[in-house]
Amino acid sequence: MVYSPKDIDSDSISKFNLIISLVICIKNMTDVIITTLKLLDYVKFGGNLVVYSREIEYLVEMEKLLFEKKVAIDVRIHETYLREYQVLSMRTHPNMNNKGFSGYVLTALKVNN
């Protein structure tokens, strides 16, 4: 199910129907920490948290909060890289004019309700 930050309240998600995996990708990154912490209450013990961001600063701040609140383990930030390949007859190689950077992904496992 897809929710926008405005739709998140106790009526839209029941604590009895806990979420196994939570994937968050928000354009306005100032909302990502508040939205994630709000939704984390609805993630089952051992559930996965994945947050995508084009900037690393918000994810580093979120990583720090998750450690401080002791609600997640195995918190990691990964840099994603997208590479295009040029495929021609008898020769295949990465595109030479490719920028490739596509953002950062924070992953974690929830350990505390």
N, C-alpha and C. Protein backbone atom coordinates (compact mmCIF):
# COMPACT_ATOMS: atom_id res chain seq x y z
N MET A 1 0.83 -1.17 0.00
CA MET A 1 0.00 0.00 0.00
C MET A 1 0.88 1.24 0.00
N VAL A 2 0.48 2.27 -0.69
CA VAL A 2 1.27 3.49 -0.79
C VAL A 2 0.56 4.60 -0.02
N TYR A 3 1.33 5.28 0.84
CA TYR A 3 0.80 6.39 1.63
C TYR A 3 1.62 7.63 1.35
N SER A 4 0.98 8.78 1.40
CA SER A 4 1.73 10.04 1.36
C SER A 4 1.88 10.50 2.80
N PRO A 5 2.86 11.38 3.10
CA PRO A 5 3.06 11.83 4.48
C PRO A 5 1.81 12.43 5.11
N LYS A 6 0.92 13.03 4.31
CA LYS A 6 -0.30 13.63 4.84
C LYS A 6 -1.31 12.57 5.30
N ASP A 7 -1.22 11.35 4.73
CA ASP A 7 -2.19 10.30 5.02
C ASP A 7 -1.83 9.46 6.24
N ILE A 8 -0.67 9.69 6.84
CA ILE A 8 -0.20 8.82 7.90
C ILE A 8 -0.81 9.22 9.23
N ASP A 9 -1.66 8.35 9.75
CA ASP A 9 -2.21 8.52 11.09
C ASP A 9 -2.62 7.15 11.60
N SER A 10 -3.09 7.09 12.82
CA SER A 10 -3.42 5.80 13.41
C SER A 10 -4.61 5.14 12.73
N ASP A 11 -5.44 5.91 12.04
CA ASP A 11 -6.59 5.32 11.35
C ASP A 11 -6.19 4.67 10.03
N SER A 12 -5.16 5.20 9.37
CA SER A 12 -4.79 4.68 8.05
C SER A 12 -3.99 3.38 8.14
N ILE A 13 -3.25 3.21 9.23
CA ILE A 13 -2.48 1.98 9.42
C ILE A 13 -2.78 1.46 10.82
N SER A 14 -3.25 0.24 10.88
CA SER A 14 -3.57 -0.35 12.18
C SER A 14 -2.35 -1.03 12.76
N LYS A 15 -2.12 -0.86 14.07
CA LYS A 15 -1.00 -1.54 14.72
C LYS A 15 -1.20 -3.05 14.70
N PHE A 16 -2.43 -3.50 14.46
CA PHE A 16 -2.69 -4.94 14.40
C PHE A 16 -2.29 -5.52 13.06
N ASN A 17 -2.21 -4.69 12.03
CA ASN A 17 -1.74 -5.13 10.71
C ASN A 17 -0.34 -4.57 10.50
N LEU A 18 0.61 -5.11 11.23
CA LEU A 18 1.97 -4.58 11.18
C LEU A 18 2.62 -4.83 9.82
N ILE A 19 3.52 -3.93 9.46
CA ILE A 19 4.20 -3.96 8.17
C ILE A 19 5.46 -4.81 8.29
N ILE A 20 5.72 -5.65 7.29
CA ILE A 20 6.93 -6.48 7.29
C ILE A 20 8.12 -5.68 6.75
N SER A 21 7.91 -4.93 5.70
CA SER A 21 8.97 -4.12 5.10
C SER A 21 8.44 -2.73 4.83
N LEU A 22 9.28 -1.75 5.11
CA LEU A 22 8.91 -0.36 4.88
C LEU A 22 9.95 0.26 3.95
N VAL A 23 9.50 0.73 2.80
CA VAL A 23 10.37 1.37 1.81
C VAL A 23 9.91 2.81 1.65
N ILE A 24 10.82 3.76 1.88
CA ILE A 24 10.47 5.17 1.83
C ILE A 24 11.33 5.89 0.81
N CYS A 25 10.65 6.66 -0.03
CA CYS A 25 11.33 7.50 -1.02
C CYS A 25 10.52 8.79 -1.10
N ILE A 26 11.07 9.87 -0.56
CA ILE A 26 10.35 11.14 -0.47
C ILE A 26 11.14 12.22 -1.19
N LYS A 27 10.44 13.02 -2.00
CA LYS A 27 11.10 14.12 -2.70
C LYS A 27 11.61 15.17 -1.72
N ASN A 28 10.75 15.57 -0.79
CA ASN A 28 11.11 16.59 0.19
C ASN A 28 11.83 15.91 1.35
N MET A 29 13.14 15.95 1.36
CA MET A 29 13.92 15.19 2.33
C MET A 29 13.80 15.71 3.76
N THR A 30 13.29 16.93 3.94
CA THR A 30 13.11 17.42 5.31
C THR A 30 12.03 16.62 6.04
N ASP A 31 11.12 15.99 5.29
CA ASP A 31 10.06 15.18 5.88
C ASP A 31 10.47 13.74 6.14
N VAL A 32 11.59 13.30 5.60
CA VAL A 32 11.91 11.87 5.63
C VAL A 32 12.15 11.35 7.04
N ILE A 33 12.80 12.09 7.90
CA ILE A 33 13.09 11.61 9.25
C ILE A 33 11.80 11.51 10.06
N ILE A 34 10.97 12.55 10.01
CA ILE A 34 9.70 12.55 10.74
C ILE A 34 8.80 11.43 10.24
N THR A 35 8.69 11.28 8.93
CA THR A 35 7.84 10.24 8.34
C THR A 35 8.33 8.85 8.70
N THR A 36 9.63 8.64 8.63
CA THR A 36 10.20 7.32 8.93
C THR A 36 9.96 6.95 10.39
N LEU A 37 10.25 7.85 11.30
CA LEU A 37 10.06 7.55 12.72
C LEU A 37 8.58 7.33 13.05
N LYS A 38 7.69 8.04 12.36
CA LYS A 38 6.25 7.86 12.56
C LYS A 38 5.81 6.47 12.09
N LEU A 39 6.31 6.05 10.93
CA LEU A 39 5.92 4.76 10.36
C LEU A 39 6.63 3.57 11.00
N LEU A 40 7.78 3.81 11.61
CA LEU A 40 8.55 2.72 12.20
C LEU A 40 7.78 2.01 13.32
N ASP A 41 6.85 2.70 13.96
CA ASP A 41 6.00 2.08 14.99
C ASP A 41 5.16 0.94 14.42
N TYR A 42 4.89 0.97 13.12
CA TYR A 42 4.02 -0.01 12.49
C TYR A 42 4.79 -1.16 11.83
N VAL A 43 6.10 -1.16 11.95
CA VAL A 43 6.92 -2.22 11.36
C VAL A 43 7.10 -3.33 12.40
N LYS A 44 6.91 -4.58 11.96
CA LYS A 44 7.07 -5.73 12.84
C LYS A 44 8.50 -5.88 13.33
N PHE A 45 8.66 -6.56 14.45
CA PHE A 45 9.97 -6.92 14.96
C PHE A 45 10.69 -7.74 13.89
N GLY A 46 11.90 -7.36 13.55
CA GLY A 46 12.65 -8.04 12.49
C GLY A 46 12.31 -7.55 11.10
N GLY A 47 11.44 -6.55 11.00
CA GLY A 47 11.04 -6.01 9.70
C GLY A 47 12.14 -5.17 9.08
N ASN A 48 12.07 -5.02 7.78
CA ASN A 48 13.08 -4.27 7.03
C ASN A 48 12.68 -2.82 6.86
N LEU A 49 13.66 -1.95 6.96
CA LEU A 49 13.48 -0.53 6.69
C LEU A 49 14.44 -0.16 5.57
N VAL A 50 13.91 0.48 4.53
CA VAL A 50 14.73 0.95 3.41
C VAL A 50 14.32 2.38 3.11
N VAL A 51 15.30 3.29 3.09
CA VAL A 51 15.02 4.70 2.80
C VAL A 51 15.97 5.15 1.70
N TYR A 52 15.41 5.73 0.64
CA TYR A 52 16.21 6.24 -0.48
C TYR A 52 16.31 7.76 -0.38
N SER A 53 17.48 8.28 -0.70
CA SER A 53 17.68 9.73 -0.73
C SER A 53 18.78 10.07 -1.74
N ARG A 54 18.64 11.21 -2.39
CA ARG A 54 19.71 11.67 -3.28
C ARG A 54 20.82 12.34 -2.49
N GLU A 55 20.51 12.78 -1.25
CA GLU A 55 21.52 13.40 -0.38
C GLU A 55 21.81 12.48 0.79
N ILE A 56 23.06 12.42 1.20
CA ILE A 56 23.46 11.52 2.28
C ILE A 56 23.22 12.12 3.67
N GLU A 57 23.14 13.45 3.77
CA GLU A 57 23.07 14.11 5.07
C GLU A 57 21.88 13.65 5.91
N TYR A 58 20.70 13.56 5.30
CA TYR A 58 19.51 13.15 6.05
C TYR A 58 19.60 11.69 6.48
N LEU A 59 20.22 10.86 5.65
CA LEU A 59 20.36 9.45 6.01
C LEU A 59 21.36 9.26 7.15
N VAL A 60 22.41 10.06 7.18
CA VAL A 60 23.37 9.99 8.28
C VAL A 60 22.70 10.42 9.58
N GLU A 61 21.88 11.46 9.53
CA GLU A 61 21.14 11.90 10.71
C GLU A 61 20.15 10.82 11.17
N MET A 62 19.48 10.17 10.20
CA MET A 62 18.55 9.10 10.54
C MET A 62 19.29 7.90 11.14
N GLU A 63 20.43 7.57 10.59
CA GLU A 63 21.24 6.47 11.12
C GLU A 63 21.59 6.74 12.59
N LYS A 64 21.98 7.96 12.89
CA LYS A 64 22.32 8.35 14.25
C LYS A 64 21.12 8.21 15.19
N LEU A 65 19.94 8.66 14.73
CA LEU A 65 18.72 8.55 15.54
C LEU A 65 18.32 7.09 15.79
N LEU A 66 18.45 6.25 14.77
CA LEU A 66 18.10 4.84 14.93
C LEU A 66 19.01 4.16 15.96
N PHE A 67 20.30 4.51 15.95
CA PHE A 67 21.23 3.97 16.95
C PHE A 67 20.91 4.49 18.35
N GLU A 68 20.65 5.80 18.46
CA GLU A 68 20.37 6.40 19.76
C GLU A 68 19.10 5.85 20.39
N LYS A 69 18.05 5.68 19.58
CA LYS A 69 16.77 5.17 20.09
C LYS A 69 16.77 3.65 20.24
N LYS A 70 17.82 3.00 19.74
CA LYS A 70 17.96 1.54 19.81
C LYS A 70 16.74 0.80 19.26
N VAL A 71 16.26 1.26 18.11
CA VAL A 71 15.12 0.63 17.48
C VAL A 71 15.51 -0.18 16.24
N ALA A 72 16.78 -0.14 15.85
CA ALA A 72 17.20 -0.86 14.65
C ALA A 72 18.64 -1.35 14.79
N ILE A 73 18.91 -2.46 14.11
CA ILE A 73 20.28 -2.97 14.03
C ILE A 73 20.66 -3.10 12.56
N ASP A 74 21.92 -3.39 12.34
CA ASP A 74 22.43 -3.57 10.98
C ASP A 74 22.09 -2.38 10.09
N VAL A 75 22.24 -1.18 10.66
CA VAL A 75 21.94 0.06 9.92
C VAL A 75 23.13 0.36 9.02
N ARG A 76 22.84 0.45 7.74
CA ARG A 76 23.89 0.70 6.75
C ARG A 76 23.43 1.70 5.72
N ILE A 77 24.39 2.46 5.21
CA ILE A 77 24.11 3.38 4.11
C ILE A 77 24.92 2.92 2.90
N HIS A 78 24.22 2.72 1.80
CA HIS A 78 24.85 2.25 0.56
C HIS A 78 24.75 3.34 -0.50
N GLU A 79 25.81 3.50 -1.26
CA GLU A 79 25.79 4.41 -2.39
C GLU A 79 25.40 3.60 -3.62
N THR A 80 24.38 4.07 -4.32
CA THR A 80 23.94 3.35 -5.52
C THR A 80 24.65 3.91 -6.75
N TYR A 81 24.85 3.06 -7.71
CA TYR A 81 25.54 3.46 -8.93
C TYR A 81 24.85 2.79 -10.10
N LEU A 82 24.51 3.56 -11.08
CA LEU A 82 23.83 3.06 -12.26
C LEU A 82 24.75 3.23 -13.45
N ARG A 83 25.01 2.16 -14.16
CA ARG A 83 25.94 2.22 -15.28
C ARG A 83 25.26 1.71 -16.55
N GLU A 84 25.32 2.53 -17.60
CA GLU A 84 24.81 2.12 -18.90
C GLU A 84 25.91 1.41 -19.68
N TYR A 85 25.51 0.42 -20.45
CA TYR A 85 26.46 -0.29 -21.29
C TYR A 85 26.11 -0.08 -22.75
N GLN A 86 27.15 0.09 -23.55
CA GLN A 86 26.98 0.18 -24.99
C GLN A 86 27.18 -1.22 -25.55
N VAL A 87 26.17 -1.72 -26.22
CA VAL A 87 26.24 -3.08 -26.77
C VAL A 87 26.24 -2.98 -28.29
N LEU A 88 27.37 -3.37 -28.88
CA LEU A 88 27.51 -3.39 -30.33
C LEU A 88 27.99 -4.77 -30.75
N SER A 89 27.96 -5.03 -32.01
CA SER A 89 28.42 -6.31 -32.53
C SER A 89 29.90 -6.53 -32.17
N MET A 90 30.19 -7.60 -31.46
CA MET A 90 31.54 -8.02 -31.09
C MET A 90 32.23 -7.08 -30.08
N ARG A 91 31.51 -6.15 -29.50
CA ARG A 91 32.11 -5.29 -28.48
C ARG A 91 31.02 -4.72 -27.55
N THR A 92 31.21 -4.92 -26.29
CA THR A 92 30.32 -4.40 -25.26
C THR A 92 31.19 -3.76 -24.18
N HIS A 93 30.86 -2.54 -23.81
CA HIS A 93 31.63 -1.85 -22.77
C HIS A 93 30.76 -0.78 -22.11
N PRO A 94 31.17 -0.33 -20.93
CA PRO A 94 30.40 0.74 -20.28
C PRO A 94 30.40 2.00 -21.13
N ASN A 95 29.30 2.71 -21.11
CA ASN A 95 29.20 3.97 -21.83
C ASN A 95 30.22 4.95 -21.25
N MET A 96 31.02 5.54 -22.07
CA MET A 96 32.13 6.39 -21.62
C MET A 96 31.66 7.74 -21.06
N ASN A 97 30.50 8.21 -21.44
CA ASN A 97 30.00 9.52 -20.99
C ASN A 97 28.92 9.38 -19.93
N ASN A 98 29.00 8.37 -19.12
CA ASN A 98 27.96 8.08 -18.13
C ASN A 98 28.33 8.67 -16.77
N LYS A 99 27.38 9.41 -16.16
CA LYS A 99 27.62 9.93 -14.80
C LYS A 99 27.36 8.86 -13.76
N GLY A 100 26.30 8.11 -13.88
CA GLY A 100 26.08 6.92 -13.08
C GLY A 100 25.55 7.08 -11.68
N PHE A 101 25.76 8.18 -10.99
CA PHE A 101 25.33 8.31 -9.61
C PHE A 101 23.81 8.43 -9.54
N SER A 102 23.20 7.68 -8.60
CA SER A 102 21.73 7.78 -8.50
C SER A 102 21.24 7.97 -7.08
N GLY A 103 22.11 8.04 -6.06
CA GLY A 103 21.65 8.34 -4.71
C GLY A 103 22.19 7.39 -3.66
N TYR A 104 21.55 7.42 -2.48
CA TYR A 104 21.95 6.61 -1.33
C TYR A 104 20.75 5.85 -0.79
N VAL A 105 21.03 4.69 -0.20
CA VAL A 105 19.98 3.86 0.38
C VAL A 105 20.40 3.48 1.80
N LEU A 106 19.52 3.77 2.78
CA LEU A 106 19.74 3.34 4.15
C LEU A 106 18.92 2.07 4.35
N THR A 107 19.54 1.04 4.92
CA THR A 107 18.83 -0.21 5.23
C THR A 107 19.02 -0.51 6.71
N ALA A 108 18.00 -1.14 7.31
CA ALA A 108 18.07 -1.50 8.73
C ALA A 108 17.03 -2.57 9.03
N LEU A 109 17.23 -3.25 10.19
CA LEU A 109 16.26 -4.21 10.71
C LEU A 109 15.70 -3.69 12.03
N LYS A 110 14.38 -3.70 12.17
CA LYS A 110 13.77 -3.20 13.40
C LYS A 110 13.93 -4.23 14.51
N VAL A 111 14.28 -3.76 15.72
CA VAL A 111 14.49 -4.69 16.84
C VAL A 111 13.65 -4.37 18.07
N ASN A 112 12.97 -3.24 18.10
CA ASN A 112 12.26 -2.84 19.32
C ASN A 112 10.94 -2.21 18.96
N ASN A 113 9.88 -2.53 19.72
CA ASN A 113 8.57 -1.91 19.48
C ASN A 113 8.38 -0.69 20.35
